[in-house]
Amino acid sequence: MLLGYDAATKAVGPISKIFDPAGNKWITLGNAAKAGIASVDEAKVAALQTFAAEKYLTVTVVK
């Protein structure tokens, strides 16, 4: 899942996309139930749409 991010306020936003392994691509959360992903249905999408980050950590990947 990809979370939205507001760079101006440095706030984590709602879930914006979910990965579709069958199509090997990111799709919008609104289209997730229609994509035919076995573990995703309308009820789960509705629950994910209410997600709000309470706390988060900043992670930096160093190569």
Protein backbone atom coordinates (compact mmCIF):
# COMPACT_ATOMS: atom_id res chain seq x y z
CA MET A 1 0.00 0.00 0.00
CA LEU A 2 1.11 3.52 -0.75
CA LEU A 3 0.26 6.31 1.63
CA GLY A 4 -0.33 9.86 0.54
CA TYR A 5 2.05 12.52 1.85
CA ASP A 6 1.72 16.29 2.05
CA ALA A 7 5.23 17.73 1.75
CA ALA A 8 4.09 21.20 2.83
CA THR A 9 2.69 20.04 6.17
CA LYS A 10 4.84 16.88 6.41
CA ALA A 11 1.69 14.91 7.17
CA VAL A 12 1.01 11.34 6.16
CA GLY A 13 -2.28 11.07 4.34
CA PRO A 14 -4.71 8.29 3.52
CA ILE A 15 -3.94 5.12 1.59
CA SER A 16 -3.70 6.17 -2.04
CA LYS A 17 -2.81 2.96 -3.90
CA ILE A 18 -2.65 -0.79 -3.46
CA PHE A 19 -0.43 -3.21 -5.38
CA ASP A 20 -2.14 -5.60 -7.79
CA PRO A 21 0.20 -8.61 -7.99
CA ALA A 22 -1.68 -10.16 -10.93
CA GLY A 23 -1.30 -7.03 -13.02
CA ASN A 24 2.09 -6.16 -11.46
CA LYS A 25 1.02 -2.54 -11.02
CA TRP A 26 -0.24 -0.01 -8.47
CA ILE A 27 -3.96 0.75 -8.63
CA THR A 28 -6.09 3.28 -6.81
CA LEU A 29 -7.76 2.07 -3.65
CA GLY A 30 -11.16 2.79 -5.21
CA ASN A 31 -10.45 0.26 -7.99
CA ALA A 32 -8.99 -2.43 -5.71
CA ALA A 33 -12.20 -4.40 -5.13
CA LYS A 34 -12.91 -4.46 -8.87
CA ALA A 35 -9.40 -5.68 -9.74
CA GLY A 36 -10.13 -9.25 -8.70
CA ILE A 37 -7.48 -9.44 -5.97
CA ALA A 38 -8.50 -12.49 -3.94
CA SER A 39 -7.90 -10.94 -0.51
CA VAL A 40 -9.64 -7.62 -1.29
CA ASP A 41 -13.38 -7.01 -1.23
CA GLU A 42 -15.66 -3.97 -0.85
CA ALA A 43 -15.75 -4.25 2.96
CA LYS A 44 -11.96 -4.28 3.23
CA VAL A 45 -11.64 -1.36 0.84
CA ALA A 46 -14.18 0.60 2.90
CA ALA A 47 -12.17 -0.11 6.06
CA LEU A 48 -8.91 0.94 4.40
CA GLN A 49 -10.50 4.18 3.17
CA THR A 50 -11.01 5.22 6.80
CA PHE A 51 -7.31 4.74 7.64
CA ALA A 52 -5.62 7.73 9.24
CA ALA A 53 -2.02 7.60 10.39
CA GLU A 54 -1.73 8.35 14.07
CA LYS A 55 2.04 8.04 14.26
CA TYR A 56 4.76 7.28 11.77
CA LEU A 57 8.52 7.01 11.51
CA THR A 58 10.73 8.55 8.89
CA VAL A 59 12.89 5.92 7.23
CA THR A 60 15.94 6.63 5.12
CA VAL A 61 17.43 3.90 2.94
CA VAL A 62 21.19 4.20 2.61
CA LYS A 63 22.98 2.21 -0.01
